[in-house]
Amino acid sequence: VDDFAVILLDLHMPGMDGYETAELIRSRKRSRQTPIVFVTAIFRDEAHVFQAYSAGAVDVVFKPADPFILRAKVTVLVDLYLKNEEAKRQATYRQWLLDENARVQAEKAATERALRRTEARQEAILRSLPVVFHSRKAEPPFETQFVSESIFDITGFTPQEMQSTPDFGLSRVHPEDVQAVIDRVSMASRTGAYEVEFRWLCKDGQYRYLQDQGVLAPGEDGEAREIFGVILDSTDRRQLEEQLTQARK
């Protein structure tokens, strides 16, 4: 059953009069606030009018009623009902927007927390591995775009220091190995992959042997090319090989 904007109720009815009907209407939650306009041709005295208002009427119209006046009274109450319904709808919509915004913000916060946990786990895994992950430009001087934190354990330099200047990595390659590094890494642009071993000057002033290998991949802009690779510290292996060579001699 739809809601009513206004109820026109005759005071004089057989079986149940208007007062009893109004009491029944007011006793129900659905119609408790619905305005009642009493219509009567008999009960015109002040006592009945007072009783009508006491029963919850918002107005009393006497018969024969002027149709224009009755219509105007009803129109006012209908307009008031429609405005109240629109206000309720707007309030419901605003609450929905607030709830939806709160839900989106909560989901966003949960996603960000999950992302931070994932990144922390990935970083912990990268730090625990005896390799350095890196990405850099495919053309000399092969500017470093990213390097994992484990670079510090090998070289003494932080990732931020490795990215401080475009030629930082290449500038610390042993002079005798520079051309080989340029030739081998540049090979990735033709073959899609490279591998090279070279001496690299660490922060403590000592050279260490680094084994670098990687592949070529498209850059984020779809045009610039980028190298993804791994670096291993091969110093201990090279020293052991040299010791074995000396021993054989």
Protein backbone atom coordinates (compact mmCIF):
# COMPACT_ATOMS: atom_id res chain seq x y z
CA VAL A 1 0.00 0.00 0.00
CA ASP A 2 1.35 3.43 -0.93
CA ASP A 3 1.68 6.21 1.61
CA PHE A 4 -0.98 8.91 1.75
CA ALA A 5 -0.25 12.61 1.54
CA VAL A 6 -3.50 13.59 3.27
CA ILE A 7 -6.66 11.85 4.54
CA LEU A 8 -10.13 13.41 4.09
CA LEU A 9 -12.34 11.98 6.83
CA ASP A 10 -16.05 12.54 7.44
CA LEU A 11 -16.95 12.89 11.11
CA HIS A 12 -20.42 11.41 10.68
CA MET A 13 -20.17 7.80 9.44
CA PRO A 14 -22.22 4.67 10.24
CA GLY A 15 -20.66 2.04 12.49
CA MET A 16 -17.46 3.97 13.33
CA ASP A 17 -17.41 7.75 13.44
CA GLY A 18 -14.56 9.99 12.36
CA TYR A 19 -13.08 10.27 15.85
CA GLU A 20 -12.70 6.50 16.22
CA THR A 21 -11.31 6.21 12.70
CA ALA A 22 -8.78 8.97 13.41
CA GLU A 23 -7.70 7.19 16.60
CA LEU A 24 -7.16 3.99 14.60
CA ILE A 25 -5.16 5.90 11.97
CA ARG A 26 -2.98 7.52 14.64
CA SER A 27 -2.37 4.16 16.34
CA ARG A 28 -0.61 2.76 13.29
CA LYS A 29 3.03 3.63 12.70
CA ARG A 30 2.64 3.90 8.93
CA SER A 31 -0.13 6.55 9.12
CA ARG A 32 0.70 8.17 12.45
CA GLN A 33 2.04 11.36 10.85
CA THR A 34 -0.43 11.55 7.94
CA PRO A 35 -2.42 14.83 8.13
CA ILE A 36 -6.19 14.40 8.58
CA VAL A 37 -8.75 16.92 7.33
CA PHE A 38 -12.19 16.36 8.87
CA VAL A 39 -15.22 17.07 6.71
CA THR A 40 -18.61 17.50 8.37
CA ALA A 41 -22.09 18.86 7.66
CA ILE A 42 -23.49 18.16 11.12
CA PHE A 43 -20.91 18.74 13.84
CA ARG A 44 -20.35 22.46 13.52
CA ASP A 45 -20.31 23.55 17.17
CA GLU A 46 -17.09 24.54 18.92
CA ALA A 47 -17.09 21.42 21.11
CA HIS A 48 -16.97 19.12 18.09
CA VAL A 49 -14.39 21.30 16.35
CA PHE A 50 -12.20 21.19 19.46
CA GLN A 51 -12.66 17.40 19.68
CA ALA A 52 -11.71 17.11 16.01
CA TYR A 53 -8.45 18.95 16.55
CA SER A 54 -7.82 16.93 19.71
CA ALA A 55 -8.24 13.77 17.63
CA GLY A 56 -5.34 14.89 15.44
CA ALA A 57 -7.00 16.88 12.68
CA VAL A 58 -5.00 19.58 10.94
CA ASP A 59 -8.12 21.25 9.60
CA VAL A 60 -11.94 21.02 9.63
CA VAL A 61 -13.99 21.73 6.52
CA PHE A 62 -17.74 22.24 6.69
CA LYS A 63 -20.14 20.96 4.05
CA PRO A 64 -21.14 22.04 1.57
CA ALA A 65 -17.45 22.67 0.93
CA ASP A 66 -16.24 25.16 -1.62
CA PRO A 67 -14.34 22.93 -4.10
CA PHE A 68 -11.73 25.59 -4.77
CA ILE A 69 -11.03 26.08 -1.06
CA LEU A 70 -10.96 22.32 -0.42
CA ARG A 71 -8.65 21.76 -3.36
CA ALA A 72 -6.33 24.54 -2.18
CA LYS A 73 -6.14 23.03 1.31
CA VAL A 74 -5.41 19.57 -0.08
CA THR A 75 -2.86 20.95 -2.56
CA VAL A 76 -0.91 22.61 0.27
CA LEU A 77 -0.77 19.35 2.23
CA VAL A 78 0.18 17.31 -0.85
CA ASP A 79 2.96 19.76 -1.73
CA LEU A 80 4.22 19.56 1.85
CA TYR A 81 4.19 15.76 1.64
CA LEU A 82 6.11 15.76 -1.64
CA LYS A 83 8.70 18.19 -0.27
CA ASN A 84 9.15 16.04 2.83
CA GLU A 85 9.56 12.94 0.67
CA GLU A 86 12.12 14.71 -1.51
CA ALA A 87 13.99 15.83 1.61
CA LYS A 88 14.00 12.23 2.85
CA ARG A 89 15.22 11.03 -0.54
CA GLN A 90 17.99 13.63 -0.59
CA ALA A 91 18.97 12.75 2.98
CA THR A 92 19.03 9.05 2.09
CA TYR A 93 21.12 9.80 -1.00
CA ARG A 94 23.55 11.96 0.99
CA GLN A 95 23.89 9.21 3.58
CA TRP A 96 24.49 6.70 0.80
CA LEU A 97 27.23 8.94 -0.61
CA LEU A 98 28.82 9.23 2.85
CA ASP A 99 28.61 5.48 3.39
CA GLU A 100 29.95 4.76 -0.09
CA ASN A 101 32.82 7.20 0.40
CA ALA A 102 33.62 5.62 3.76
CA ARG A 103 33.56 2.16 2.15
CA VAL A 104 35.83 3.25 -0.72
CA GLN A 105 38.24 4.93 1.68
CA ALA A 106 38.30 1.83 3.89
CA GLU A 107 38.96 -0.40 0.87
CA LYS A 108 41.65 1.98 -0.34
CA ALA A 109 43.32 2.00 3.08
CA ALA A 110 43.14 -1.81 3.25
CA THR A 111 44.62 -2.08 -0.26
CA GLU A 112 47.42 0.33 0.60
CA ARG A 113 48.20 -1.62 3.79
CA ALA A 114 48.25 -4.88 1.82
CA LEU A 115 50.50 -3.26 -0.81
CA ARG A 116 52.91 -1.99 1.85
CA ARG A 117 53.03 -5.47 3.42
CA THR A 118 53.69 -7.02 0.01
CA GLU A 119 56.40 -4.48 -0.78
CA ALA A 120 57.99 -5.05 2.63
CA ARG A 121 58.01 -8.82 2.07
CA GLN A 122 59.46 -8.40 -1.41
CA GLU A 123 62.13 -6.05 -0.11
CA ALA A 124 62.99 -8.51 2.67
CA ILE A 125 63.30 -11.30 0.12
CA LEU A 126 65.49 -9.17 -2.16
CA ARG A 127 67.74 -8.21 0.74
CA SER A 128 68.13 -11.84 1.79
CA LEU A 129 69.29 -12.98 -1.66
CA PRO A 130 73.02 -12.83 -2.53
CA VAL A 131 72.23 -11.02 -5.77
CA VAL A 132 71.47 -7.45 -6.78
CA PHE A 133 68.46 -6.73 -8.97
CA HIS A 134 68.65 -3.69 -11.19
CA SER A 135 67.17 -1.91 -14.17
CA ARG A 136 68.92 0.68 -16.30
CA LYS A 137 68.82 2.38 -19.66
CA ALA A 138 70.01 0.36 -22.62
CA GLU A 139 72.31 3.02 -24.05
CA PRO A 140 75.65 4.22 -22.56
CA PRO A 141 76.28 5.28 -19.87
CA PHE A 142 73.49 2.84 -18.87
CA GLU A 143 71.91 5.11 -16.26
CA THR A 144 70.58 3.19 -13.26
CA GLN A 145 66.79 3.31 -12.93
CA PHE A 146 66.44 0.91 -10.00
CA VAL A 147 68.77 -1.14 -7.85
CA SER A 148 67.91 -3.32 -4.87
CA GLU A 149 69.11 -2.56 -1.35
CA SER A 150 71.55 -5.50 -1.43
CA ILE A 151 73.91 -3.38 -3.55
CA PHE A 152 75.10 -1.83 -0.29
CA ASP A 153 76.35 -5.17 1.06
CA ILE A 154 78.55 -5.62 -2.01
CA THR A 155 79.75 -2.13 -2.85
CA GLY A 156 79.13 0.01 0.24
CA PHE A 157 76.98 2.37 -1.82
CA THR A 158 73.26 2.89 -1.25
CA PRO A 159 70.73 2.69 -4.10
CA GLN A 160 70.33 6.45 -3.88
CA GLU A 161 74.07 6.94 -4.41
CA MET A 162 74.02 4.52 -7.35
CA GLN A 163 71.32 6.69 -8.96
CA SER A 164 72.94 10.02 -8.11
CA THR A 165 74.40 10.62 -11.62
CA PRO A 166 73.70 8.93 -14.98
CA ASP A 167 77.26 7.59 -15.33
CA PHE A 168 77.84 6.61 -11.69
CA GLY A 169 77.95 2.86 -12.35
CA LEU A 170 80.08 3.02 -15.46
CA SER A 171 82.45 5.61 -13.97
CA ARG A 172 83.64 3.14 -11.30
CA VAL A 173 84.35 0.27 -13.68
CA HIS A 174 88.08 -0.54 -13.89
CA PRO A 175 89.59 1.44 -16.83
CA GLU A 176 90.76 -1.79 -18.47
CA ASP A 177 87.20 -3.23 -18.35
CA VAL A 178 85.18 -0.18 -19.44
CA GLN A 179 85.15 -0.93 -23.17
CA ALA A 180 84.23 -4.56 -22.61
CA VAL A 181 81.31 -3.49 -20.42
CA ILE A 182 80.07 -1.01 -23.02
CA ASP A 183 80.37 -3.58 -25.82
CA ARG A 184 78.70 -6.43 -23.91
CA VAL A 185 75.83 -4.42 -22.39
CA SER A 186 75.17 -2.66 -25.71
CA MET A 187 74.83 -6.13 -27.23
CA ALA A 188 71.45 -6.41 -25.48
CA SER A 189 70.03 -3.89 -27.95
CA ARG A 190 70.84 -6.33 -30.79
CA THR A 191 70.45 -9.78 -29.25
CA GLY A 192 68.06 -9.08 -26.37
CA ALA A 193 70.46 -10.24 -23.64
CA TYR A 194 74.00 -9.77 -22.35
CA GLU A 195 76.50 -11.11 -19.82
CA VAL A 196 79.72 -9.51 -18.64
CA GLU A 197 82.18 -9.69 -15.76
CA PHE A 198 84.22 -6.67 -14.68
CA ARG A 199 86.09 -5.07 -11.82
CA TRP A 200 84.23 -2.35 -9.96
CA LEU A 201 85.63 0.21 -7.48
CA CYS A 202 83.74 -0.07 -4.19
CA LYS A 203 83.37 2.57 -1.53
CA ASP A 204 86.24 1.12 0.53
CA GLY A 205 88.63 1.80 -2.37
CA GLN A 206 88.93 -1.87 -3.33
CA TYR A 207 87.99 -3.42 -6.65
CA ARG A 208 85.59 -6.37 -6.62
CA TYR A 209 84.66 -8.62 -9.48
CA LEU A 210 81.01 -8.30 -10.45
CA GLN A 211 79.17 -10.61 -12.81
CA ASP A 212 76.32 -8.79 -14.55
CA GLN A 213 73.73 -10.36 -16.82
CA GLY A 214 70.35 -9.15 -18.06
CA VAL A 215 67.72 -8.88 -20.77
CA LEU A 216 66.23 -6.07 -22.82
CA ALA A 217 62.62 -5.02 -22.20
CA PRO A 218 60.37 -2.20 -23.51
CA GLY A 219 60.27 0.93 -21.40
CA GLU A 220 57.08 2.22 -19.78
CA ASP A 221 56.52 4.78 -22.55
CA GLY A 222 56.51 2.03 -25.17
CA GLU A 223 59.57 3.46 -26.94
CA ALA A 224 62.53 3.85 -24.61
CA ARG A 225 64.22 0.54 -23.92
CA GLU A 226 65.29 -0.70 -20.54
CA ILE A 227 67.55 -3.45 -19.20
CA PHE A 228 66.55 -5.74 -16.36
CA GLY A 229 69.38 -7.67 -14.80
CA VAL A 230 71.11 -9.22 -11.81
CA ILE A 231 74.59 -8.67 -10.39
CA LEU A 232 76.57 -11.28 -8.48
CA ASP A 233 79.74 -10.71 -6.48
CA SER A 234 82.19 -13.09 -8.16
CA THR A 235 85.29 -11.86 -6.29
CA ASP A 236 85.71 -14.98 -4.13
CA ARG A 237 85.30 -17.26 -7.14
CA ARG A 238 87.86 -15.31 -9.18
CA GLN A 239 90.35 -15.33 -6.32
CA LEU A 240 89.91 -19.07 -5.89
CA GLU A 241 90.41 -19.63 -9.60
CA GLU A 242 93.62 -17.55 -9.49
CA GLN A 243 94.88 -19.54 -6.51
CA LEU A 244 94.22 -22.81 -8.33
CA THR A 245 96.00 -21.48 -11.43
CA GLN A 246 99.04 -20.52 -9.32
CA ALA A 247 98.97 -23.90 -7.62
CA ARG A 248 99.04 -25.72 -10.98
CA LYS A 249 102.02 -23.65 -12.06
